[in-house]
C-alpha atoms as a PDB file:
ATOM      1  CA  MET A   1       0.000   0.000   0.000  1.00  0.00           C
ATOM      2  CA  GLU A   2       2.917   2.416   0.664  1.00  0.00           C
ATOM      3  CA  ASP A   3       4.103   2.082  -2.946  1.00  0.00           C
ATOM      4  CA  LEU A   4       0.688   3.181  -4.160  1.00  0.00           C
ATOM      5  CA  VAL A   5       0.551   6.204  -1.818  1.00  0.00           C
ATOM      6  CA  CYS A   6       4.087   7.474  -2.347  1.00  0.00           C
ATOM      7  CA  PRO A   7       3.572   8.615  -5.998  1.00  0.00           C
ATOM      8  CA  LEU A   8       0.705  10.856  -4.818  1.00  0.00           C
ATOM      9  CA  ALA A   9       3.106  12.672  -2.511  1.00  0.00           C
ATOM     10  CA  VAL A  10       5.306  13.879  -5.381  1.00  0.00           C
ATOM     11  CA  LEU A  11       2.536  15.626  -7.306  1.00  0.00           C
ATOM     12  CA  PRO A  12       3.679  19.029  -8.631  1.00  0.00           C
ATOM     13  CA  THR A  13       2.983  21.974  -6.339  1.00  0.00           C
ATOM     14  CA  ALA A  14       2.799  25.634  -7.102  1.00  0.00           C
ATOM     15  CA  GLY A  15       6.475  26.057  -6.346  1.00  0.00           C
ATOM     16  CA  GLY A  16       7.549  22.894  -8.126  1.00  0.00           C
ATOM     17  CA  ASP A  17       6.114  24.022 -11.469  1.00  0.00           C
ATOM     18  CA  LYS A  18       8.671  26.795 -11.650  1.00  0.00           C
ATOM     19  CA  GLU A  19      11.614  24.417 -11.426  1.00  0.00           C
ATOM     20  CA  GLY A  20      10.129  21.894 -13.832  1.00  0.00           C
ATOM     21  CA  GLY A  21      11.551  18.872 -11.978  1.00  0.00           C
ATOM     22  CA  GLY A  22       8.248  17.478 -10.753  1.00  0.00           C
ATOM     23  CA  SER A  23       6.846  16.525 -14.178  1.00  0.00           C
ATOM     24  CA  GLU A  24       9.531  13.929 -14.903  1.00  0.00           C
ATOM     25  CA  SER A  25       9.104  12.230 -11.542  1.00  0.00           C
ATOM     26  CA  ASP A  26       5.349  12.237 -12.056  1.00  0.00           C
ATOM     27  CA  CYS A  27       5.713  10.423 -15.398  1.00  0.00           C
ATOM     28  CA  VAL A  28       7.959   7.811 -13.827  1.00  0.00           C
ATOM     29  CA  SER A  29       5.575   7.265 -10.930  1.00  0.00           C
ATOM     30  CA  MET A  30       2.558   6.943 -13.228  1.00  0.00           C
ATOM     31  CA  ALA A  31       4.418   4.458 -15.429  1.00  0.00           C
ATOM     32  CA  ALA A  32       5.344   2.472 -12.319  1.00  0.00           C
ATOM     33  CA  LEU A  33       1.706   2.489 -11.214  1.00  0.00           C
ATOM     34  CA  ASP A  34       0.607   1.159 -14.604  1.00  0.00           C
ATOM     35  CA  LEU A  35       3.230  -1.597 -14.455  1.00  0.00           C
ATOM     36  CA  ARG A  36       2.164  -2.565 -10.947  1.00  0.00           C
ATOM     37  CA  ALA A  37      -1.480  -2.738 -12.036  1.00  0.00           C
ATOM     38  CA  GLU A  38      -0.511  -4.911 -15.019  1.00  0.00           C
ATOM     39  CA  LEU A  39       1.597  -7.088 -12.741  1.00  0.00           C
ATOM     40  CA  ASP A  40      -1.313  -7.562 -10.345  1.00  0.00           C
ATOM     41  CA  ALA A  41      -3.704  -8.537 -13.156  1.00  0.00           C
ATOM     42  CA  LEU A  42      -1.185 -10.948 -14.660  1.00  0.00           C
ATOM     43  CA  LEU A  43      -0.418 -12.466 -11.273  1.00  0.00           C
ATOM     44  CA  LEU A  44      -4.110 -13.043 -10.555  1.00  0.00           C
ATOM     45  CA  GLN A  45      -4.537 -14.708 -13.940  1.00  0.00           C
ATOM     46  CA  LEU A  46      -1.479 -16.879 -13.324  1.00  0.00           C
ATOM     47  CA  LEU A  47      -2.755 -17.976  -9.922  1.00  0.00           C
ATOM     48  CA  GLY A  48      -6.130 -18.844 -11.427  1.00  0.00           C
ATOM     49  CA  ASP A  49      -4.475 -20.888 -14.175  1.00  0.00           C
ATOM     50  CA  LEU A  50      -2.354 -22.742 -11.614  1.00  0.00           C
ATOM     51  CA  GLU A  51      -5.441 -23.552  -9.566  1.00  0.00           C
ATOM     52  CA  GLU A  52      -7.241 -24.777 -12.678  1.00  0.00           C
ATOM     53  CA  LEU A  53      -4.219 -26.867 -13.653  1.00  0.00           C
ATOM     54  CA  GLU A  54      -4.150 -28.522 -10.242  1.00  0.00           C
ATOM     55  CA  GLY A  55      -7.846 -29.353 -10.488  1.00  0.00           C
ATOM     56  CA  LYS A  56      -7.552 -30.797 -14.002  1.00  0.00           C
ATOM     57  CA  ARG A  57      -4.590 -32.953 -12.973  1.00  0.00           C
ATOM     58  CA  ALA A  58      -6.589 -34.347 -10.064  1.00  0.00           C
ATOM     59  CA  VAL A  59      -9.514 -35.151 -12.368  1.00  0.00           C
ATOM     60  CA  LEU A  60      -7.143 -36.748 -14.911  1.00  0.00           C
ATOM     61  CA  ASN A  61      -5.664 -39.030 -12.255  1.00  0.00           C
ATOM     62  CA  ALA A  62      -9.162 -39.996 -11.137  1.00  0.00           C
ATOM     63  CA  ARG A  63     -10.258 -40.819 -14.712  1.00  0.00           C
ATOM     64  CA  VAL A  64      -7.185 -42.953 -15.345  1.00  0.00           C
ATOM     65  CA  GLU A  65      -7.730 -44.862 -12.095  1.00  0.00           C
ATOM     66  CA  GLU A  66     -11.378 -45.413 -12.992  1.00  0.00           C
ATOM     67  CA  GLY A  67     -10.354 -46.669 -16.423  1.00  0.00           C
ATOM     68  CA  TRP A  68      -7.906 -49.234 -15.049  1.00  0.00           C
ATOM     69  CA  LEU A  69     -10.396 -50.344 -12.406  1.00  0.00           C
ATOM     70  CA  SER A  70     -13.132 -50.830 -15.017  1.00  0.00           C
ATOM     71  CA  LEU A  71     -10.694 -52.711 -17.223  1.00  0.00           C
ATOM     72  CA  ALA A  72      -9.838 -55.022 -14.325  1.00  0.00           C
ATOM     73  CA  LYS A  73     -13.562 -55.673 -13.760  1.00  0.00           C
ATOM     74  CA  ALA A  74     -13.995 -56.503 -17.449  1.00  0.00           C
ATOM     75  CA  ARG A  75     -11.115 -58.990 -17.312  1.00  0.00           C
ATOM     76  CA  TYR A  76     -12.646 -60.587 -14.251  1.00  0.00           C
ATOM     77  CA  ALA A  77     -16.033 -60.912 -15.963  1.00  0.00           C
ATOM     78  CA  MET A  78     -14.801 -62.095 -19.379  1.00  0.00           C
ATOM     79  CA  GLY A  79     -11.647 -63.885 -18.327  1.00  0.00           C
ATOM     80  CA  THR A  80      -8.052 -62.774 -18.317  1.00  0.00           C
ATOM     81  CA  LYS A  81      -7.335 -64.257 -21.743  1.00  0.00           C
ATOM     82  CA  SER A  82     -10.416 -62.625 -23.290  1.00  0.00           C
ATOM     83  CA  VAL A  83      -9.214 -59.070 -22.679  1.00  0.00           C
ATOM     84  CA  GLY A  84      -5.602 -58.653 -23.678  1.00  0.00           C
ATOM     85  CA  PRO A  85      -3.168 -58.010 -26.526  1.00  0.00           C
ATOM     86  CA  LEU A  86      -4.170 -61.258 -28.238  1.00  0.00           C
ATOM     87  CA  GLN A  87      -7.500 -59.678 -29.209  1.00  0.00           C
ATOM     88  CA  TYR A  88      -5.922 -56.592 -30.763  1.00  0.00           C
ATOM     89  CA  ALA A  89      -6.537 -56.070 -34.472  1.00  0.00           C
ATOM     90  CA  SER A  90      -3.644 -56.760 -36.832  1.00  0.00           C
ATOM     91  CA  HIS A  91      -4.153 -53.353 -38.438  1.00  0.00           C
ATOM     92  CA  MET A  92      -4.885 -50.492 -36.052  1.00  0.00           C
ATOM     93  CA  GLU A  93      -6.141 -47.056 -36.957  1.00  0.00           C
ATOM     94  CA  PRO A  94      -6.156 -44.031 -34.650  1.00  0.00           C
ATOM     95  CA  GLN A  95      -9.490 -43.226 -33.094  1.00  0.00           C
ATOM     96  CA  VAL A  96      -8.604 -39.628 -32.265  1.00  0.00           C
ATOM     97  CA  CYS A  97      -6.413 -36.877 -33.659  1.00  0.00           C
ATOM     98  CA  LEU A  98      -4.728 -33.961 -31.949  1.00  0.00           C
ATOM     99  CA  GLN A  99      -5.344 -30.533 -33.438  1.00  0.00           C
ATOM    100  CA  ALA A 100      -3.158 -27.554 -32.570  1.00  0.00           C
ATOM    101  CA  SER A 101      -4.248 -23.955 -33.056  1.00  0.00           C
ATOM    102  CA  GLU A 102      -2.710 -20.614 -32.138  1.00  0.00           C
ATOM    103  CA  ALA A 103      -4.429 -18.178 -29.793  1.00  0.00           C
ATOM    104  CA  GLN A 104      -4.208 -14.391 -29.858  1.00  0.00           C
ATOM    105  CA  GLU A 105      -0.979 -14.322 -27.848  1.00  0.00           C
ATOM    106  CA  GLY A 106       0.639 -16.835 -30.203  1.00  0.00           C
ATOM    107  CA  LEU A 107       0.090 -19.710 -27.779  1.00  0.00           C
ATOM    108  CA  GLN A 108      -0.714 -23.188 -29.001  1.00  0.00           C
ATOM    109  CA  LYS A 109      -3.998 -24.723 -27.911  1.00  0.00           C
ATOM    110  CA  PHE A 110      -4.585 -28.450 -28.266  1.00  0.00           C
ATOM    111  CA  LYS A 111      -7.862 -30.206 -28.949  1.00  0.00           C
ATOM    112  CA  VAL A 112      -8.661 -33.893 -29.292  1.00  0.00           C
ATOM    113  CA  VAL A 113     -11.120 -34.793 -32.067  1.00  0.00           C
ATOM    114  CA  ARG A 114     -12.351 -38.117 -33.328  1.00  0.00           C
ATOM    115  CA  SER A 115     -10.905 -39.443 -36.570  1.00  0.00           C
ATOM    116  CA  GLY A 116     -13.142 -39.192 -39.594  1.00  0.00           C
ATOM    117  CA  VAL A 117     -15.125 -36.251 -38.210  1.00  0.00           C
ATOM    118  CA  HIS A 118     -14.925 -33.372 -40.657  1.00  0.00           C
ATOM    119  CA  ALA A 119     -15.185 -29.778 -39.612  1.00  0.00           C
ATOM    120  CA  PRO A 120     -18.260 -27.846 -40.791  1.00  0.00           C
ATOM    121  CA  GLU A 121     -16.030 -25.491 -42.809  1.00  0.00           C
ATOM    122  CA  GLU A 122     -14.857 -28.291 -45.084  1.00  0.00           C
ATOM    123  CA  VAL A 123     -18.259 -28.648 -46.771  1.00  0.00           C
ATOM    124  CA  GLY A 124     -19.630 -25.321 -47.967  1.00  0.00           C
ATOM    125  CA  PRO A 125     -23.177 -24.494 -49.060  1.00  0.00           C
ATOM    126  CA  ARG A 126     -22.210 -24.528 -52.739  1.00  0.00           C
ATOM    127  CA  GLU A 127     -20.812 -28.042 -52.522  1.00  0.00           C
ATOM    128  CA  ALA A 128     -23.942 -29.201 -50.707  1.00  0.00           C
ATOM    129  CA  ALA A 129     -26.139 -27.669 -53.424  1.00  0.00           C
ATOM    130  CA  LEU A 130     -24.093 -29.344 -56.171  1.00  0.00           C
ATOM    131  CA  ARG A 131     -24.472 -32.699 -54.457  1.00  0.00           C
ATOM    132  CA  ARG A 132     -28.234 -32.249 -54.332  1.00  0.00           C
ATOM    133  CA  ARG A 133     -28.420 -31.355 -58.045  1.00  0.00           C
ATOM    134  CA  LYS A 134     -26.186 -34.154 -59.256  1.00  0.00           C
ATOM    135  CA  GLY A 135     -27.955 -36.735 -57.147  1.00  0.00           C
ATOM    136  CA  PRO A 136     -26.401 -40.139 -56.445  1.00  0.00           C
ATOM    137  CA  THR A 137     -23.863 -39.935 -59.311  1.00  0.00           C
ATOM    138  CA  LYS A 138     -20.939 -39.509 -56.934  1.00  0.00           C
ATOM    139  CA  THR A 139     -21.075 -41.647 -53.847  1.00  0.00           C
ATOM    140  CA  PRO A 140     -18.717 -40.639 -51.004  1.00  0.00           C
ATOM    141  CA  GLU A 141     -19.893 -43.610 -48.933  1.00  0.00           C
ATOM    142  CA  PRO A 142     -16.605 -45.534 -49.303  1.00  0.00           C
ATOM    143  CA  GLN A 143     -14.867 -42.777 -47.325  1.00  0.00           C
ATOM    144  CA  SER A 144     -17.303 -43.180 -44.454  1.00  0.00           C
ATOM    145  CA  SER A 145     -16.781 -46.934 -44.522  1.00  0.00           C
ATOM    146  CA  GLU A 146     -13.072 -46.306 -43.982  1.00  0.00           C
ATOM    147  CA  ALA A 147     -13.781 -44.900 -40.528  1.00  0.00           C
ATOM    148  CA  PRO A 148     -11.793 -46.686 -37.827  1.00  0.00           C
ATOM    149  CA  ARG A 149     -13.542 -49.536 -36.079  1.00  0.00           C
ATOM    150  CA  ASP A 150     -14.510 -49.340 -32.469  1.00  0.00           C
ATOM    151  CA  PRO A 151     -11.810 -51.151 -30.456  1.00  0.00           C
ATOM    152  CA  LEU A 152     -14.539 -52.697 -28.309  1.00  0.00           C
ATOM    153  CA  ASN A 153     -15.423 -54.916 -31.258  1.00  0.00           C
ATOM    154  CA  TRP A 154     -12.051 -56.625 -30.881  1.00  0.00           C
ATOM    155  CA  PHE A 155     -13.344 -58.318 -27.729  1.00  0.00           C
ATOM    156  CA  GLY A 156     -16.718 -59.432 -29.075  1.00  0.00           C
ATOM    157  CA  ILE A 157     -20.112 -58.015 -29.901  1.00  0.00           C
ATOM    158  CA  LEU A 158     -21.696 -58.124 -26.453  1.00  0.00           C
ATOM    159  CA  VAL A 159     -19.011 -56.715 -24.204  1.00  0.00           C
ATOM    160  CA  PRO A 160     -19.644 -55.992 -20.519  1.00  0.00           C
ATOM    161  CA  HIS A 161     -20.566 -52.528 -19.361  1.00  0.00           C
ATOM    162  CA  SER A 162     -17.336 -52.242 -17.396  1.00  0.00           C
ATOM    163  CA  LEU A 163     -15.337 -52.400 -20.625  1.00  0.00           C
ATOM    164  CA  ARG A 164     -17.379 -49.538 -22.067  1.00  0.00           C
ATOM    165  CA  GLN A 165     -16.816 -47.586 -18.871  1.00  0.00           C
ATOM    166  CA  ALA A 166     -13.083 -48.120 -19.220  1.00  0.00           C
ATOM    167  CA  GLN A 167     -13.166 -46.765 -22.764  1.00  0.00           C
ATOM    168  CA  ALA A 168     -15.168 -43.703 -21.659  1.00  0.00           C
ATOM    169  CA  SER A 169     -12.778 -43.001 -18.781  1.00  0.00           C
ATOM    170  CA  PHE A 170      -9.709 -43.153 -20.992  1.00  0.00           C
ATOM    171  CA  TRP A 171     -11.441 -40.965 -23.583  1.00  0.00           C
ATOM    172  CA  ASP A 172     -12.101 -38.335 -20.917  1.00  0.00           C
ATOM    173  CA  GLY A 173      -8.462 -38.646 -19.896  1.00  0.00           C
ATOM    174  CA  LEU A 174      -7.340 -37.798 -23.434  1.00  0.00           C
ATOM    175  CA  GLN A 175      -9.502 -34.693 -23.453  1.00  0.00           C
ATOM    176  CA  LEU A 176      -8.127 -33.607 -20.089  1.00  0.00           C
ATOM    177  CA  ALA A 177      -4.543 -34.238 -21.210  1.00  0.00           C
ATOM    178  CA  ALA A 178      -5.024 -31.877 -24.159  1.00  0.00           C
ATOM    179  CA  ASP A 179      -6.561 -29.229 -21.890  1.00  0.00           C
ATOM    180  CA  ILE A 180      -3.674 -29.589 -19.436  1.00  0.00           C
ATOM    181  CA  ALA A 181      -1.115 -29.161 -22.222  1.00  0.00           C
ATOM    182  CA  SER A 182      -2.851 -25.986 -23.439  1.00  0.00           C
ATOM    183  CA  LEU A 183      -3.079 -24.649 -19.903  1.00  0.00           C
ATOM    184  CA  GLN A 184       0.589 -25.400 -19.240  1.00  0.00           C
ATOM    185  CA  ASN A 185       1.575 -23.398 -22.313  1.00  0.00           C
ATOM    186  CA  ARG A 186      -0.458 -20.438 -21.066  1.00  0.00           C
ATOM    187  CA  ILE A 187       1.149 -20.685 -17.620  1.00  0.00           C
ATOM    188  CA  ASP A 188       4.653 -20.720 -19.111  1.00  0.00           C
ATOM    189  CA  TRP A 189       3.763 -17.676 -21.212  1.00  0.00           C
ATOM    190  CA  GLY A 190       2.392 -15.901 -18.133  1.00  0.00           C
ATOM    191  CA  ARG A 191       5.574 -16.556 -16.190  1.00  0.00           C
ATOM    192  CA  SER A 192       7.738 -15.112 -18.945  1.00  0.00           C
ATOM    193  CA  GLN A 193       5.512 -12.042 -19.154  1.00  0.00           C
ATOM    194  CA  LEU A 194       5.703 -11.660 -15.378  1.00  0.00           C
ATOM    195  CA  ARG A 195       9.505 -11.693 -15.408  1.00  0.00           C
ATOM    196  CA  GLY A 196       9.559  -9.091 -18.185  1.00  0.00           C
ATOM    197  CA  LEU A 197       7.271  -6.742 -16.280  1.00  0.00           C
ATOM    198  CA  GLN A 198       9.341  -7.151 -13.133  1.00  0.00           C
ATOM    199  CA  GLU A 199      12.503  -6.181 -15.025  1.00  0.00           C
ATOM    200  CA  LYS A 200      10.795  -3.071 -16.391  1.00  0.00           C
ATOM    201  CA  LEU A 201       9.647  -2.132 -12.900  1.00  0.00           C
ATOM    202  CA  LYS A 202      13.192  -2.498 -11.558  1.00  0.00           C
ATOM    203  CA  GLN A 203      14.434  -0.116 -14.230  1.00  0.00           C
ATOM    204  CA  LEU A 204      11.832   2.479 -13.263  1.00  0.00           C
ATOM    205  CA  GLU A 205      12.222   1.911  -9.534  1.00  0.00           C
ATOM    206  CA  PRO A 206      15.755   0.648  -8.768  1.00  0.00           C
ATOM    207  CA  GLY A 207      14.858   0.280  -5.081  1.00  0.00           C
ATOM    208  CA  ALA A 208      11.711  -1.780  -5.744  1.00  0.00           C
ATOM    209  CA  ALA A 209      11.707  -5.338  -4.391  1.00  0.00           C
END
């Protein structure tokens, strides 16, 4: 609180205007006040991101534990040999893809999307109208048939509910892992910005802590 009050004490007085030395100190003090306000806002954002990161990590650990527990229940219900690497398909295809995009600050944000799911921007209104006019001359069905199979089908058609729960838990874990990676990038950026602002404040106020 003393740092915020001290700049008000060096405001130019009637006698100080004649010397002209008070205006420069006023500019420095106002710049220091702006830096301190920016530092406070950045620090609050950084603390909020750290709290969110801690919460997401706790949820991720819980989802992974639930997934392994559900997988153990499925092995107990179906048999140890019925749920294992021997049932894996000879040719595997990824079920999800990781998309990276840049935010306003140049940070990378990660998002997990399912394979074979096209974004709405890929098919415009003109292409949709052309497909309606041409009718069934061009059939894009073979592309949809190339969608990756559900890994649950490796273990049979009627799989226990615990195996589906395991898949859902691990899927949630993938989403959380992408969110954690994006949040970690933002925290690293915030720390670098914080150090830069602190260096600027030291230059304006050499005696500042």
